[in-house]
Amino acid sequence: MKMRTVTFLMPAFIHQQLRLLVGPKKMGRFISQAVLERLSEEQKQLRQFYIKAEKDKTRKKVISEWSRIEAEHWHD
């Protein structure tokens, strides 16, 4: 797996808890795994929103109406 060096800030108390819990040499792996899990959750939620939006008939109607309005030629 290709790796990148990343620099970011975090609250000191979180850093201290990480050092105590996983140790300084394993912090990167721990943070990567936690972020990966969170990204997976966010992607699942986004997918659910897309599915719900696709089933929303009112939303489709409004989009259709706006598409027609945008297609009209506006003259001064």
C-alpha atoms as a PDB file:
ATOM      1  CA  MET A   1       0.000   0.000   0.000  1.00  0.00           C
ATOM      2  CA  LYS A   2       1.348   3.417  -0.942  1.00  0.00           C
ATOM      3  CA  MET A   3       1.789   5.644   2.100  1.00  0.00           C
ATOM      4  CA  ARG A   4       1.863   9.428   2.566  1.00  0.00           C
ATOM      5  CA  THR A   5       3.304  11.509   5.358  1.00  0.00           C
ATOM      6  CA  VAL A   6       0.531  13.667   6.809  1.00  0.00           C
ATOM      7  CA  THR A   7       0.814  16.493   9.295  1.00  0.00           C
ATOM      8  CA  PHE A   8      -2.278  17.632  11.176  1.00  0.00           C
ATOM      9  CA  LEU A   9      -3.240  19.095  14.517  1.00  0.00           C
ATOM     10  CA  MET A  10      -5.259  17.346  17.199  1.00  0.00           C
ATOM     11  CA  PRO A  11      -6.133  18.301  20.749  1.00  0.00           C
ATOM     12  CA  ALA A  12      -3.350  17.458  23.191  1.00  0.00           C
ATOM     13  CA  PHE A  13      -5.625  15.316  25.376  1.00  0.00           C
ATOM     14  CA  ILE A  14      -6.497  13.092  22.386  1.00  0.00           C
ATOM     15  CA  HIS A  15      -2.823  12.734  21.516  1.00  0.00           C
ATOM     16  CA  GLN A  16      -2.040  11.737  25.088  1.00  0.00           C
ATOM     17  CA  GLN A  17      -4.835   9.157  25.121  1.00  0.00           C
ATOM     18  CA  LEU A  18      -3.590   7.706  21.824  1.00  0.00           C
ATOM     19  CA  ARG A  19      -0.037   7.428  23.148  1.00  0.00           C
ATOM     20  CA  LEU A  20      -1.290   5.632  26.250  1.00  0.00           C
ATOM     21  CA  LEU A  21      -3.723   3.365  24.411  1.00  0.00           C
ATOM     22  CA  VAL A  22      -1.813   2.305  21.297  1.00  0.00           C
ATOM     23  CA  GLY A  23       1.713   3.625  21.817  1.00  0.00           C
ATOM     24  CA  PRO A  24       3.582   6.197  19.757  1.00  0.00           C
ATOM     25  CA  LYS A  25       4.750   3.733  17.082  1.00  0.00           C
ATOM     26  CA  LYS A  26       1.258   2.447  16.296  1.00  0.00           C
ATOM     27  CA  MET A  27      -0.612   5.763  16.267  1.00  0.00           C
ATOM     28  CA  GLY A  28      -0.504   6.152  12.473  1.00  0.00           C
ATOM     29  CA  ARG A  29      -1.989   2.709  11.880  1.00  0.00           C
ATOM     30  CA  PHE A  30      -4.652   3.282  14.534  1.00  0.00           C
ATOM     31  CA  ILE A  31      -5.662   6.673  13.095  1.00  0.00           C
ATOM     32  CA  SER A  32      -5.709   5.286   9.535  1.00  0.00           C
ATOM     33  CA  GLN A  33      -8.013   2.451  10.579  1.00  0.00           C
ATOM     34  CA  ALA A  34     -10.324   4.803  12.495  1.00  0.00           C
ATOM     35  CA  VAL A  35     -10.546   7.186   9.530  1.00  0.00           C
ATOM     36  CA  LEU A  36     -11.152   4.305   7.117  1.00  0.00           C
ATOM     37  CA  GLU A  37     -14.033   3.037   9.273  1.00  0.00           C
ATOM     38  CA  ARG A  38     -15.549   6.531   9.457  1.00  0.00           C
ATOM     39  CA  LEU A  39     -15.204   7.026   5.690  1.00  0.00           C
ATOM     40  CA  SER A  40     -16.984   3.723   5.131  1.00  0.00           C
ATOM     41  CA  GLU A  41     -19.853   4.838   7.376  1.00  0.00           C
ATOM     42  CA  GLU A  42     -20.095   8.186   5.567  1.00  0.00           C
ATOM     43  CA  GLN A  43     -20.141   6.468   2.157  1.00  0.00           C
ATOM     44  CA  LYS A  44     -22.924   4.118   3.263  1.00  0.00           C
ATOM     45  CA  GLN A  45     -24.967   7.052   4.543  1.00  0.00           C
ATOM     46  CA  LEU A  46     -24.401   9.028   1.345  1.00  0.00           C
ATOM     47  CA  ARG A  47     -25.454   6.017  -0.732  1.00  0.00           C
ATOM     48  CA  GLN A  48     -28.670   5.772   1.333  1.00  0.00           C
ATOM     49  CA  PHE A  49     -29.364   9.477   0.757  1.00  0.00           C
ATOM     50  CA  TYR A  50     -28.896   9.032  -3.003  1.00  0.00           C
ATOM     51  CA  ILE A  51     -31.276   6.068  -3.041  1.00  0.00           C
ATOM     52  CA  LYS A  52     -33.854   8.013  -1.037  1.00  0.00           C
ATOM     53  CA  ALA A  53     -33.486  11.074  -3.290  1.00  0.00           C
ATOM     54  CA  GLU A  54     -33.918   8.933  -6.395  1.00  0.00           C
ATOM     55  CA  LYS A  55     -37.283   7.696  -5.069  1.00  0.00           C
ATOM     56  CA  ASP A  56     -38.518  11.204  -4.183  1.00  0.00           C
ATOM     57  CA  LYS A  57     -41.132  12.109  -6.823  1.00  0.00           C
ATOM     58  CA  THR A  58     -41.493  15.718  -5.622  1.00  0.00           C
ATOM     59  CA  ARG A  59     -37.743  16.244  -5.959  1.00  0.00           C
ATOM     60  CA  LYS A  60     -37.790  14.830  -9.485  1.00  0.00           C
ATOM     61  CA  LYS A  61     -40.669  17.126 -10.438  1.00  0.00           C
ATOM     62  CA  VAL A  62     -38.869  20.230  -9.128  1.00  0.00           C
ATOM     63  CA  ILE A  63     -35.672  19.265 -10.965  1.00  0.00           C
ATOM     64  CA  SER A  64     -37.651  18.792 -14.160  1.00  0.00           C
ATOM     65  CA  GLU A  65     -39.304  22.196 -13.761  1.00  0.00           C
ATOM     66  CA  TRP A  66     -35.968  23.912 -13.117  1.00  0.00           C
ATOM     67  CA  SER A  67     -34.437  22.152 -16.123  1.00  0.00           C
ATOM     68  CA  ARG A  68     -37.148  23.592 -18.361  1.00  0.00           C
ATOM     69  CA  ILE A  69     -36.651  27.077 -16.894  1.00  0.00           C
ATOM     70  CA  GLU A  70     -32.880  26.878 -17.375  1.00  0.00           C
ATOM     71  CA  ALA A  71     -33.373  25.753 -20.972  1.00  0.00           C
ATOM     72  CA  GLU A  72     -35.508  28.784 -21.854  1.00  0.00           C
ATOM     73  CA  HIS A  73     -33.781  31.692 -23.541  1.00  0.00           C
ATOM     74  CA  TRP A  74     -34.031  34.758 -21.379  1.00  0.00           C
ATOM     75  CA  HIS A  75     -34.194  38.067 -23.192  1.00  0.00           C
ATOM     76  CA  ASP A  76     -33.798  41.536 -21.714  1.00  0.00           C
END
